[in-house]
Protein backbone atom coordinates (compact mmCIF):
# COMPACT_ATOMS: atom_id res chain seq x y z
CA MET A 1 139.03 82.18 53.34
CA ILE A 2 137.44 79.20 55.10
CA GLU A 3 140.80 77.41 55.24
CA THR A 4 142.32 80.43 56.99
CA GLN A 5 139.47 80.47 59.52
CA ARG A 6 139.81 76.72 60.05
CA LEU A 7 143.54 77.13 60.68
CA LEU A 8 142.95 80.01 63.11
CA VAL A 9 140.43 77.95 65.10
CA GLN A 10 142.73 74.92 65.12
CA CYS A 11 145.80 76.90 66.22
CA THR A 12 143.84 78.69 68.96
CA MET A 13 142.03 75.64 70.32
CA LEU A 14 144.99 73.23 70.22
CA ARG A 15 146.12 73.91 73.76
CA GLN A 16 146.14 72.15 77.07
CA PRO A 17 142.70 72.66 78.67
CA THR A 18 142.76 74.31 82.09
CA ILE A 19 140.18 75.36 84.64
CA HIS A 20 141.33 78.97 84.20
CA GLU A 21 140.12 79.67 80.66
CA SER A 22 139.01 82.99 79.24
CA ALA A 23 135.60 82.97 77.56
CA ALA A 24 137.06 85.22 74.83
CA ASP A 25 139.34 82.39 73.65
CA PHE A 26 136.59 80.17 72.24
CA PHE A 27 134.90 79.70 68.86
CA VAL A 28 131.60 78.43 67.58
CA GLY A 29 131.49 76.51 64.31
CA PHE A 30 128.71 75.22 62.10
CA ASP A 31 129.02 71.79 60.56
CA ILE A 32 127.66 70.85 57.14
CA ASP A 33 124.24 70.15 58.75
CA HIS A 34 124.23 73.73 60.17
CA THR A 35 124.54 72.47 63.75
CA PRO A 36 126.47 74.89 65.96
CA TYR A 37 129.28 73.56 68.19
CA LEU A 38 131.40 75.17 70.85
CA PHE A 39 135.02 74.09 70.31
CA LEU A 40 136.89 73.11 73.46
CA PRO A 41 140.62 73.38 74.13
CA THR A 42 142.16 70.13 72.98
CA ALA A 43 145.73 69.13 73.85
CA HIS A 44 148.15 68.53 70.99
CA GLY A 45 148.34 64.90 69.93
CA VAL A 46 145.25 63.62 71.72
CA LEU A 47 143.17 63.49 68.53
CA GLU A 48 144.00 63.14 64.87
CA ASP A 49 145.01 66.12 62.75
CA HIS A 50 142.17 68.58 62.13
CA GLU A 51 140.13 67.21 65.07
CA LEU A 52 139.02 69.02 68.22
CA TYR A 53 136.67 68.28 71.06
CA ALA A 54 133.40 70.19 70.83
CA VAL A 55 130.01 70.49 72.49
CA PRO A 56 126.83 70.78 70.40
CA ILE A 57 124.79 73.93 71.05
CA LEU A 58 121.09 73.21 71.33
CA MET A 59 118.17 75.58 70.82
CA ARG A 60 115.75 75.70 73.74
CA LYS A 61 112.40 74.28 72.68
CA LYS A 62 110.36 76.92 74.51
CA ASP A 63 112.39 79.89 73.29
CA ALA A 64 114.11 79.70 69.91
CA ARG A 65 116.34 82.66 70.83
CA MET A 66 117.94 80.87 73.78
CA TYR A 67 120.54 78.16 73.60
CA LEU A 68 121.93 75.43 75.83
CA LEU A 69 125.12 73.41 75.70
CA ASP A 70 124.58 69.70 75.24
CA ASP A 71 126.13 67.43 77.87
CA THR A 72 127.93 65.45 75.16
CA ILE A 73 131.54 66.14 74.25
CA LEU A 74 132.44 64.91 70.78
CA ALA A 75 135.60 64.65 68.72
CA VAL A 76 134.83 66.58 65.52
CA ASP A 77 136.78 67.04 62.31
CA LEU A 78 137.27 70.71 61.39
CA LYS A 79 137.04 69.74 57.72
CA ASP A 80 133.33 69.08 58.35
CA PHE A 81 132.75 72.73 59.34
CA ASP A 82 132.05 75.48 56.87
CA GLU A 83 131.46 78.49 59.15
CA PHE A 84 133.24 79.82 62.25
CA HIS A 85 132.47 82.65 64.68
CA CYS A 86 134.47 84.31 67.44
CA ASP A 87 131.64 86.61 68.58
CA LEU A 88 129.79 84.29 70.91
CA SER A 89 127.29 86.77 72.36
CA TYR A 90 124.46 85.44 70.16
CA TYR A 91 124.71 82.04 71.89
CA PHE A 92 126.08 82.92 75.31
CA GLY A 93 124.61 86.32 76.07
CA PRO A 94 126.22 89.65 76.82
CA GLU A 95 129.80 89.33 78.00
CA TYR A 96 129.50 85.57 77.31
CA ASN A 97 127.81 85.03 80.69
CA MET A 98 126.54 81.52 79.91
CA LEU A 99 129.96 80.44 78.65
CA LYS A 100 131.65 81.84 81.75
CA LYS A 101 129.21 79.86 83.88
CA TYR A 102 129.95 76.70 81.86
CA LEU A 103 133.72 77.17 82.29
CA LYS A 104 133.20 77.17 86.08
CA SER A 105 130.87 74.16 86.02
CA THR A 106 131.54 70.66 87.27
CA GLU A 107 131.06 69.40 83.70
CA TYR A 108 133.85 71.54 82.30
CA ARG A 109 136.18 70.80 85.22
CA SER A 110 135.54 67.09 84.65
CA TYR A 111 136.38 67.55 80.96
CA VAL A 112 139.70 69.20 81.88
CA MET A 113 140.64 66.37 84.23
CA TRP A 114 139.50 63.69 81.77
CA SER A 115 141.31 65.34 78.84
CA ASN A 116 144.54 65.72 80.78
CA GLY A 117 144.27 62.09 81.91
CA ILE A 118 143.79 60.86 78.34
CA ARG A 119 146.83 62.82 77.21
CA GLN A 120 148.99 61.47 80.03
CA ASP A 121 147.82 57.88 79.37
CA GLN A 122 148.74 58.19 75.69
CA ILE A 123 152.18 59.58 76.55
CA ASN A 124 152.80 56.83 79.12
CA GLU A 125 151.85 54.14 76.60
CA LEU A 126 154.32 55.57 74.08
CA LEU A 127 157.07 55.81 76.70
CA ASP A 128 156.50 52.16 77.65
CA SER A 129 156.67 51.22 73.95
CA TYR A 130 159.88 53.20 73.58
CA ALA A 131 161.48 51.40 76.52
CA SER A 132 160.66 48.02 74.99
CA ALA A 133 161.45 48.92 71.35
CA ASP A 134 163.99 46.60 69.76
CA THR A 135 165.27 48.73 66.90
CA GLU A 136 166.40 52.29 66.40
CA GLU A 137 163.79 52.61 63.64
CA ALA A 138 161.00 51.69 66.08
CA LYS A 139 162.36 54.19 68.62
CA GLN A 140 162.44 56.92 65.96
CA THR A 141 158.81 56.21 65.07
CA ILE A 142 157.82 56.48 68.75
CA ARG A 143 159.79 59.74 69.10
CA GLN A 144 157.79 61.15 66.18
CA GLN A 145 154.56 60.04 67.81
CA LEU A 146 155.60 61.66 71.09
CA SER A 147 156.37 64.92 69.28
CA ARG A 148 152.65 65.24 68.45
CA PHE A 149 151.98 66.12 72.07
CA SER A 150 154.19 69.20 71.88
CA GLY A 151 152.67 70.38 68.64
CA ARG A 152 156.00 69.98 66.89
CA VAL A 153 156.96 67.36 64.33
CA THR A 154 160.48 65.97 64.41
CA GLY A 155 162.27 64.54 61.43
């Protein structure tokens, strides 16, 4: 069951981040230390397999029923998570109000720009390597690496 949930989260969150996200398209996961994380959209190929960007969810010290998003964005391995939730109202309030506010924030917009820049830099590096590759075998390897960014694997 957990593998199916992990796959669902991975397939949903492996997408190009945009500033026009729907709060309903996010998940919270608990790692093995029971720390909750909000998974962020992560473009194909930017991280290793089974990894996504995520933000830790922190409990407010003055009110244990209220939560905040940390300002740290981490690359996390989904294999280190043993629980996933799609109902985010417990953390983000009715109609996911806090999450909607976060998605409109400067922090999230900066993440989108940064993430898209990282992806483009990685693609450009591979294209430069392809142009200077000496053998067909090296070019084939680079083509396979480039295919990661589309979410498809070529043979």
